[in-house]
Each structure stands twice: as C-alpha cells, then as structure tokens.
Amino acid sequence: MGGYFTLSDRNLRLIERFRRTASDTLEYAFTVDNPTMWTRPWTAVINWKQAKGEVYEYACHEGNYSLPGMLAGARADEAAGR
C-alpha cells in the first residue's frame, strides 16, 4: 500500500480529546502512539475559534468543477457593484 497507509499498522493507537476552553474556543488534542513508527507517543493541540459566518462542509464542493466559474461570476458582480 502507498500513501497514508504506510504510516499506520495494527500497533497504531490514536486518542482524541475535545475540550471547551472558552465560550468561543474548542481545544482539539490528539495523541499518536505507534511503536512501529516512532520511539515515543506524540501529541498535538489545536485551538479552534468559533466561526463568524456560515460553515460549509468541505466535501460538498468535491468534484464540483463549475465552482471556479461561479466564484469568478460572483467576483465580477462584486467588482461591478452589484
């Protein structure tokens, strides 16, 4: 197998934690443990701030080849003051 699957095997253990740290912040922490790949477990922490506008799931535009044209049209309308 190629790609990402080379980084995992039956020894992989992933622990994810979500914690509210403020009214507008969510802390996402994950720990990766795989003695086949690394000498010790490692952890990453990402703080997500609350979105100001609408949030769209990224895959909804996957394979949507008309999207660049729609965005270009919207930018042209904005430039024309519409």
PDB file of N, CA and C in Angstrom:
ATOM      1  N   MET A   1       0.837  -1.195   0.000  1.00  0.00           N
ATOM      2  CA  MET A   1       0.000   0.000   0.000  1.00  0.00           C
ATOM      3  C   MET A   1       0.869   1.241   0.000  1.00  0.00           C
ATOM      4  N   GLY A   2       0.365   2.289  -0.606  1.00  0.00           N
ATOM      5  CA  GLY A   2       1.108   3.536  -0.600  1.00  0.00           C
ATOM      6  C   GLY A   2       0.360   4.613   0.154  1.00  0.00           C
ATOM      7  N   GLY A   3       0.858   5.821   0.091  1.00  0.00           N
ATOM      8  CA  GLY A   3       0.186   6.951   0.699  1.00  0.00           C
ATOM      9  C   GLY A   3       0.179   6.911   2.216  1.00  0.00           C
ATOM     10  N   TYR A   4      -0.913   7.363   2.777  1.00  0.00           N
ATOM     11  CA  TYR A   4      -1.018   7.494   4.228  1.00  0.00           C
ATOM     12  C   TYR A   4      -0.999   6.154   4.948  1.00  0.00           C
ATOM     13  N   PHE A   5      -1.390   5.098   4.283  1.00  0.00           N
ATOM     14  CA  PHE A   5      -1.475   3.811   4.944  1.00  0.00           C
ATOM     15  C   PHE A   5      -0.112   3.283   5.368  1.00  0.00           C
ATOM     16  N   THR A   6       0.959   3.821   4.827  1.00  0.00           N
ATOM     17  CA  THR A   6       2.290   3.394   5.249  1.00  0.00           C
ATOM     18  C   THR A   6       2.615   3.891   6.654  1.00  0.00           C
ATOM     19  N   LEU A   7       1.836   4.838   7.169  1.00  0.00           N
ATOM     20  CA  LEU A   7       2.082   5.391   8.496  1.00  0.00           C
ATOM     21  C   LEU A   7       1.272   4.699   9.582  1.00  0.00           C
ATOM     22  N   SER A   8       0.493   3.707   9.213  1.00  0.00           N
ATOM     23  CA  SER A   8      -0.310   3.029  10.223  1.00  0.00           C
ATOM     24  C   SER A   8      -0.200   1.518  10.060  1.00  0.00           C
ATOM     25  N   ASP A   9      -0.388   0.856  11.151  1.00  0.00           N
ATOM     26  CA  ASP A   9      -0.436  -0.593  11.163  1.00  0.00           C
ATOM     27  C   ASP A   9      -1.228  -1.016  12.390  1.00  0.00           C
ATOM     28  N   ARG A  10      -1.205  -2.282  12.719  1.00  0.00           N
ATOM     29  CA  ARG A  10      -2.021  -2.764  13.844  1.00  0.00           C
ATOM     30  C   ARG A  10      -1.561  -2.201  15.184  1.00  0.00           C
ATOM     31  N   ASN A  11      -0.365  -1.592  15.259  1.00  0.00           N
ATOM     32  CA  ASN A  11       0.136  -1.019  16.516  1.00  0.00           C
ATOM     33  C   ASN A  11      -0.289   0.432  16.739  1.00  0.00           C
ATOM     34  N   LEU A  12      -0.921   1.032  15.733  1.00  0.00           N
ATOM     35  CA  LEU A  12      -1.319   2.440  15.842  1.00  0.00           C
ATOM     36  C   LEU A  12      -2.429   2.616  16.875  1.00  0.00           C
ATOM     37  N   ARG A  13      -2.251   3.595  17.729  1.00  0.00           N
ATOM     38  CA  ARG A  13      -3.284   3.975  18.711  1.00  0.00           C
ATOM     39  C   ARG A  13      -3.419   5.487  18.649  1.00  0.00           C
ATOM     40  N   LEU A  14      -4.635   5.944  18.434  1.00  0.00           N
ATOM     41  CA  LEU A  14      -4.931   7.369  18.324  1.00  0.00           C
ATOM     42  C   LEU A  14      -5.945   7.731  19.394  1.00  0.00           C
ATOM     43  N   ILE A  15      -5.628   8.735  20.192  1.00  0.00           N
ATOM     44  CA  ILE A  15      -6.540   9.224  21.223  1.00  0.00           C
ATOM     45  C   ILE A  15      -6.860  10.677  20.905  1.00  0.00           C
ATOM     46  N   GLU A  16      -8.145  10.992  20.794  1.00  0.00           N
ATOM     47  CA  GLU A  16      -8.581  12.360  20.507  1.00  0.00           C
ATOM     48  C   GLU A  16      -9.371  12.884  21.699  1.00  0.00           C
ATOM     49  N   ARG A  17      -9.163  14.177  21.993  1.00  0.00           N
ATOM     50  CA  ARG A  17      -9.891  14.826  23.084  1.00  0.00           C
ATOM     51  C   ARG A  17     -10.354  16.206  22.631  1.00  0.00           C
ATOM     52  N   PHE A  18     -11.575  16.530  23.019  1.00  0.00           N
ATOM     53  CA  PHE A  18     -12.145  17.844  22.739  1.00  0.00           C
ATOM     54  C   PHE A  18     -12.484  18.475  24.077  1.00  0.00           C
ATOM     55  N   ARG A  19     -12.131  19.762  24.207  1.00  0.00           N
ATOM     56  CA  ARG A  19     -12.383  20.446  25.476  1.00  0.00           C
ATOM     57  C   ARG A  19     -12.717  21.905  25.191  1.00  0.00           C
ATOM     58  N   ARG A  20     -13.766  22.393  25.807  1.00  0.00           N
ATOM     59  CA  ARG A  20     -14.142  23.802  25.677  1.00  0.00           C
ATOM     60  C   ARG A  20     -13.238  24.594  26.613  1.00  0.00           C
ATOM     61  N   THR A  21     -12.444  25.508  26.058  1.00  0.00           N
ATOM     62  CA  THR A  21     -11.522  26.292  26.883  1.00  0.00           C
ATOM     63  C   THR A  21     -11.992  27.728  27.078  1.00  0.00           C
ATOM     64  N   ALA A  22     -12.940  28.154  26.251  1.00  0.00           N
ATOM     65  CA  ALA A  22     -13.545  29.481  26.371  1.00  0.00           C
ATOM     66  C   ALA A  22     -14.886  29.419  25.648  1.00  0.00           C
ATOM     67  N   SER A  23     -15.688  30.437  25.795  1.00  0.00           N
ATOM     68  CA  SER A  23     -17.010  30.407  25.166  1.00  0.00           C
ATOM     69  C   SER A  23     -16.934  30.336  23.648  1.00  0.00           C
ATOM     70  N   ASP A  24     -15.803  30.782  23.082  1.00  0.00           N
ATOM     71  CA  ASP A  24     -15.648  30.760  21.625  1.00  0.00           C
ATOM     72  C   ASP A  24     -14.485  29.894  21.161  1.00  0.00           C
ATOM     73  N   THR A  25     -13.966  29.013  22.028  1.00  0.00           N
ATOM     74  CA  THR A  25     -12.792  28.223  21.675  1.00  0.00           C
ATOM     75  C   THR A  25     -12.971  26.760  22.070  1.00  0.00           C
ATOM     76  N   LEU A  26     -12.642  25.895  21.122  1.00  0.00           N
ATOM     77  CA  LEU A  26     -12.651  24.461  21.362  1.00  0.00           C
ATOM     78  C   LEU A  26     -11.231  23.949  21.175  1.00  0.00           C
ATOM     79  N   GLU A  27     -10.731  23.260  22.168  1.00  0.00           N
ATOM     80  CA  GLU A  27      -9.383  22.690  22.077  1.00  0.00           C
ATOM     81  C   GLU A  27      -9.491  21.255  21.580  1.00  0.00           C
ATOM     82  N   TYR A  28      -8.781  20.961  20.509  1.00  0.00           N
ATOM     83  CA  TYR A  28      -8.712  19.616  19.952  1.00  0.00           C
ATOM     84  C   TYR A  28      -7.295  19.111  20.177  1.00  0.00           C
ATOM     85  N   ALA A  29      -7.166  18.030  20.922  1.00  0.00           N
ATOM     86  CA  ALA A  29      -5.847  17.443  21.182  1.00  0.00           C
ATOM     87  C   ALA A  29      -5.871  15.992  20.742  1.00  0.00           C
ATOM     88  N   PHE A  30      -4.791  15.556  20.119  1.00  0.00           N
ATOM     89  CA  PHE A  30      -4.700  14.147  19.764  1.00  0.00           C
ATOM     90  C   PHE A  30      -3.309  13.623  20.068  1.00  0.00           C
ATOM     91  N   THR A  31      -3.273  12.386  20.495  1.00  0.00           N
ATOM     92  CA  THR A  31      -2.018  11.716  20.785  1.00  0.00           C
ATOM     93  C   THR A  31      -1.909  10.501  19.882  1.00  0.00           C
ATOM     94  N   VAL A  32      -0.763  10.377  19.226  1.00  0.00           N
ATOM     95  CA  VAL A  32      -0.499   9.269  18.325  1.00  0.00           C
ATOM     96  C   VAL A  32       0.559   8.388  18.957  1.00  0.00           C
ATOM     97  N   ASP A  33       0.257   7.117  19.035  1.00  0.00           N
ATOM     98  CA  ASP A  33       1.207   6.152  19.588  1.00  0.00           C
ATOM     99  C   ASP A  33       1.308   4.990  18.620  1.00  0.00           C
ATOM    100  N   ASN A  34       2.498   4.787  18.089  1.00  0.00           N
ATOM    101  CA  ASN A  34       2.755   3.644  17.216  1.00  0.00           C
ATOM    102  C   ASN A  34       4.236   3.299  17.329  1.00  0.00           C
ATOM    103  N   PRO A  35       4.585   2.330  18.170  1.00  0.00           N
ATOM    104  CA  PRO A  35       5.992   1.983  18.354  1.00  0.00           C
ATOM    105  C   PRO A  35       6.671   1.456  17.093  1.00  0.00           C
ATOM    106  N   THR A  36       5.886   1.075  16.101  1.00  0.00           N
ATOM    107  CA  THR A  36       6.465   0.661  14.826  1.00  0.00           C
ATOM    108  C   THR A  36       7.078   1.850  14.093  1.00  0.00           C
ATOM    109  N   MET A  37       6.465   3.034  14.283  1.00  0.00           N
ATOM    110  CA  MET A  37       6.886   4.227  13.538  1.00  0.00           C
ATOM    111  C   MET A  37       7.712   5.207  14.357  1.00  0.00           C
ATOM    112  N   TRP A  38       7.387   5.373  15.656  1.00  0.00           N
ATOM    113  CA  TRP A  38       8.030   6.398  16.464  1.00  0.00           C
ATOM    114  C   TRP A  38       8.600   5.806  17.749  1.00  0.00           C
ATOM    115  N   THR A  39       9.586   6.465  18.293  1.00  0.00           N
ATOM    116  CA  THR A  39      10.222   5.971  19.520  1.00  0.00           C
ATOM    117  C   THR A  39       9.378   6.265  20.755  1.00  0.00           C
ATOM    118  N   ARG A  40       8.460   7.218  20.644  1.00  0.00           N
ATOM    119  CA  ARG A  40       7.572   7.532  21.765  1.00  0.00           C
ATOM    120  C   ARG A  40       6.307   8.200  21.216  1.00  0.00           C
ATOM    121  N   PRO A  41       5.222   8.177  21.981  1.00  0.00           N
ATOM    122  CA  PRO A  41       3.993   8.845  21.532  1.00  0.00           C
ATOM    123  C   PRO A  41       4.213  10.352  21.387  1.00  0.00           C
ATOM    124  N   TRP A  42       3.416  10.981  20.544  1.00  0.00           N
ATOM    125  CA  TRP A  42       3.481  12.427  20.389  1.00  0.00           C
ATOM    126  C   TRP A  42       2.059  12.997  20.367  1.00  0.00           C
ATOM    127  N   THR A  43       1.974  14.253  20.784  1.00  0.00           N
ATOM    128  CA  THR A  43       0.679  14.918  20.928  1.00  0.00           C
ATOM    129  C   THR A  43       0.693  16.258  20.202  1.00  0.00           C
ATOM    130  N   ALA A  44      -0.439  16.598  19.625  1.00  0.00           N
ATOM    131  CA  ALA A  44      -0.628  17.912  19.012  1.00  0.00           C
ATOM    132  C   ALA A  44      -1.901  18.517  19.584  1.00  0.00           C
ATOM    133  N   VAL A  45      -1.910  19.838  19.714  1.00  0.00           N
ATOM    134  CA  VAL A  45      -3.072  20.555  20.238  1.00  0.00           C
ATOM    135  C   VAL A  45      -3.401  21.689  19.271  1.00  0.00           C
ATOM    136  N   ILE A  46      -4.678  21.778  18.911  1.00  0.00           N
ATOM    137  CA  ILE A  46      -5.142  22.825  18.005  1.00  0.00           C
ATOM    138  C   ILE A  46      -6.323  23.520  18.676  1.00  0.00           C
ATOM    139  N   ASN A  47      -6.287  24.842  18.735  1.00  0.00           N
ATOM    140  CA  ASN A  47      -7.396  25.611  19.289  1.00  0.00           C
ATOM    141  C   ASN A  47      -8.238  26.135  18.141  1.00  0.00           C
ATOM    142  N   TRP A  48      -9.483  25.744  18.136  1.00  0.00           N
ATOM    143  CA  TRP A  48     -10.412  26.183  17.103  1.00  0.00           C
ATOM    144  C   TRP A  48     -11.278  27.299  17.656  1.00  0.00           C
ATOM    145  N   LYS A  49     -11.266  28.441  16.957  1.00  0.00           N
ATOM    146  CA  LYS A  49     -12.114  29.572  17.334  1.00  0.00           C
ATOM    147  C   LYS A  49     -13.463  29.422  16.636  1.00  0.00           C
ATOM    148  N   GLN A  50     -14.486  29.957  17.275  1.00  0.00           N
ATOM    149  CA  GLN A  50     -15.826  29.901  16.711  1.00  0.00           C
ATOM    150  C   GLN A  50     -15.860  30.676  15.398  1.00  0.00           C
ATOM    151  N   ALA A  51     -16.492  30.097  14.394  1.00  0.00           N
ATOM    152  CA  ALA A  51     -16.613  30.743  13.091  1.00  0.00           C
ATOM    153  C   ALA A  51     -17.524  31.955  13.189  1.00  0.00           C
ATOM    154  N   LYS A  52     -17.198  33.005  12.454  1.00  0.00           N
ATOM    155  CA  LYS A  52     -18.003  34.231  12.456  1.00  0.00           C
ATOM    156  C   LYS A  52     -19.178  34.123  11.494  1.00  0.00           C
ATOM    157  N   GLY A  53     -19.010  33.356  10.441  1.00  0.00           N
ATOM    158  CA  GLY A  53     -20.077  33.225   9.442  1.00  0.00           C
ATOM    159  C   GLY A  53     -20.541  31.790   9.337  1.00  0.00           C
ATOM    160  N   GLU A  54     -21.100  31.464   8.184  1.00  0.00           N
ATOM    161  CA  GLU A  54     -21.570  30.113   7.953  1.00  0.00           C
ATOM    162  C   GLU A  54     -20.390  29.172   7.750  1.00  0.00           C
ATOM    163  N   VAL A  55     -20.567  27.931   8.134  1.00  0.00           N
ATOM    164  CA  VAL A  55     -19.539  26.917   7.966  1.00  0.00           C
ATOM    165  C   VAL A  55     -20.065  25.878   6.983  1.00  0.00           C
ATOM    166  N   TYR A  56     -19.279  25.570   5.970  1.00  0.00           N
ATOM    167  CA  TYR A  56     -19.666  24.597   4.967  1.00  0.00           C
ATOM    168  C   TYR A  56     -18.739  23.388   5.049  1.00  0.00           C
ATOM    169  N   GLU A  57     -19.304  22.234   4.956  1.00  0.00           N
ATOM    170  CA  GLU A  57     -18.514  21.004   4.968  1.00  0.00           C
ATOM    171  C   GLU A  57     -17.713  20.970   3.673  1.00  0.00           C
ATOM    172  N   TYR A  58     -16.416  20.725   3.764  1.00  0.00           N
ATOM    173  CA  TYR A  58     -15.531  20.891   2.606  1.00  0.00           C
ATOM    174  C   TYR A  58     -15.857  19.947   1.459  1.00  0.00           C
ATOM    175  N   ALA A  59     -16.333  18.761   1.735  1.00  0.00           N
ATOM    176  CA  ALA A  59     -16.548  17.776   0.680  1.00  0.00           C
ATOM    177  C   ALA A  59     -17.744  18.115  -0.202  1.00  0.00           C
ATOM    178  N   CYS A  60     -18.579  19.058   0.230  1.00  0.00           N
ATOM    179  CA  CYS A  60     -19.749  19.370  -0.586  1.00  0.00           C
ATOM    180  C   CYS A  60     -19.334  19.968  -1.931  1.00  0.00           C
ATOM    181  N   HIS A  61     -18.109  20.452  -2.061  1.00  0.00           N
ATOM    182  CA  HIS A  61     -17.640  21.004  -3.333  1.00  0.00           C
ATOM    183  C   HIS A  61     -16.686  20.061  -4.050  1.00  0.00           C
ATOM    184  N   GLU A  62     -16.467  18.889  -3.473  1.00  0.00           N
ATOM    185  CA  GLU A  62     -15.567  17.919  -4.090  1.00  0.00           C
ATOM    186  C   GLU A  62     -16.148  17.495  -5.440  1.00  0.00           C
ATOM    187  N   GLY A  63     -15.356  17.611  -6.471  1.00  0.00           N
ATOM    188  CA  GLY A  63     -15.809  17.223  -7.800  1.00  0.00           C
ATOM    189  C   GLY A  63     -16.724  18.235  -8.455  1.00  0.00           C
ATOM    190  N   ASN A  64     -16.928  19.383  -7.828  1.00  0.00           N
ATOM    191  CA  ASN A  64     -17.790  20.408  -8.393  1.00  0.00           C
ATOM    192  C   ASN A  64     -16.933  21.304  -9.288  1.00  0.00           C
ATOM    193  N   TYR A  65     -16.842  20.929 -10.555  1.00  0.00           N
ATOM    194  CA  TYR A  65     -15.952  21.638 -11.473  1.00  0.00           C
ATOM    195  C   TYR A  65     -16.507  22.974 -11.933  1.00  0.00           C
ATOM    196  N   SER A  66     -17.770  23.258 -11.624  1.00  0.00           N
ATOM    197  CA  SER A  66     -18.340  24.549 -12.003  1.00  0.00           C
ATOM    198  C   SER A  66     -18.057  25.621 -10.952  1.00  0.00           C
ATOM    199  N   LEU A  67     -17.543  25.217  -9.793  1.00  0.00           N
ATOM    200  CA  LEU A  67     -17.318  26.172  -8.715  1.00  0.00           C
ATOM    201  C   LEU A  67     -16.402  27.334  -9.113  1.00  0.00           C
ATOM    202  N   PRO A  68     -15.264  27.102  -9.804  1.00  0.00           N
ATOM    203  CA  PRO A  68     -14.429  28.262 -10.188  1.00  0.00           C
ATOM    204  C   PRO A  68     -15.191  29.278 -11.044  1.00  0.00           C
ATOM    205  N   GLY A  69     -16.049  28.798 -11.941  1.00  0.00           N
ATOM    206  CA  GLY A  69     -16.841  29.705 -12.764  1.00  0.00           C
ATOM    207  C   GLY A  69     -17.856  30.486 -11.942  1.00  0.00           C
ATOM    208  N   MET A  70     -18.504  29.817 -10.997  1.00  0.00           N
ATOM    209  CA  MET A  70     -19.474  30.506 -10.134  1.00  0.00           C
ATOM    210  C   MET A  70     -18.782  31.570  -9.295  1.00  0.00           C
ATOM    211  N   LEU A  71     -17.609  31.248  -8.759  1.00  0.00           N
ATOM    212  CA  LEU A  71     -16.881  32.231  -7.954  1.00  0.00           C
ATOM    213  C   LEU A  71     -16.398  33.393  -8.805  1.00  0.00           C
ATOM    214  N   ALA A  72     -15.929  33.100 -10.013  1.00  0.00           N
ATOM    215  CA  ALA A  72     -15.489  34.177 -10.905  1.00  0.00           C
ATOM    216  C   ALA A  72     -16.657  35.099 -11.240  1.00  0.00           C
ATOM    217  N   GLY A  73     -17.839  34.539 -11.474  1.00  0.00           N
ATOM    218  CA  GLY A  73     -19.026  35.352 -11.750  1.00  0.00           C
ATOM    219  C   GLY A  73     -19.402  36.224 -10.553  1.00  0.00           C
ATOM    220  N   ALA A  74     -19.308  35.662  -9.358  1.00  0.00           N
ATOM    221  CA  ALA A  74     -19.619  36.433  -8.152  1.00  0.00           C
ATOM    222  C   ALA A  74     -18.623  37.567  -7.964  1.00  0.00           C
ATOM    223  N   ARG A  75     -17.344  37.323  -8.224  1.00  0.00           N
ATOM    224  CA  ARG A  75     -16.340  38.385  -8.096  1.00  0.00           C
ATOM    225  C   ARG A  75     -16.574  39.465  -9.137  1.00  0.00           C
ATOM    226  N   ALA A  76     -17.010  39.081 -10.354  1.00  0.00           N
ATOM    227  CA  ALA A  76     -17.301  40.077 -11.397  1.00  0.00           C
ATOM    228  C   ALA A  76     -18.492  40.935 -10.968  1.00  0.00           C
ATOM    229  N   ASP A  77     -19.520  40.312 -10.383  1.00  0.00           N
ATOM    230  CA  ASP A  77     -20.666  41.071  -9.883  1.00  0.00           C
ATOM    231  C   ASP A  77     -20.242  42.056  -8.785  1.00  0.00           C
ATOM    232  N   GLU A  78     -19.384  41.593  -7.892  1.00  0.00           N
ATOM    233  CA  GLU A  78     -18.907  42.481  -6.819  1.00  0.00           C
ATOM    234  C   GLU A  78     -18.149  43.660  -7.405  1.00  0.00           C
ATOM    235  N   ALA A  79     -17.279  43.392  -8.371  1.00  0.00           N
ATOM    236  CA  ALA A  79     -16.486  44.458  -8.987  1.00  0.00           C
ATOM    237  C   ALA A  79     -17.380  45.465  -9.716  1.00  0.00           C
ATOM    238  N   ALA A  80     -18.503  44.992 -10.252  1.00  0.00           N
ATOM    239  CA  ALA A  80     -19.424  45.872 -10.967  1.00  0.00           C
ATOM    240  C   ALA A  80     -20.371  46.591 -10.008  1.00  0.00           C
ATOM    241  N   GLY A  81     -20.259  46.309  -8.726  1.00  0.00           N
ATOM    242  CA  GLY A  81     -21.097  46.971  -7.749  1.00  0.00           C
ATOM    243  C   GLY A  81     -22.486  46.383  -7.599  1.00  0.00           C
ATOM    244  N   ARG A  82     -22.660  45.168  -8.078  1.00  0.00           N
ATOM    245  CA  ARG A  82     -23.979  44.513  -7.990  1.00  0.00           C
ATOM    246  C   ARG A  82     -24.084  43.671  -6.775  1.00  0.00           C
TER     247      ARG A  82
END
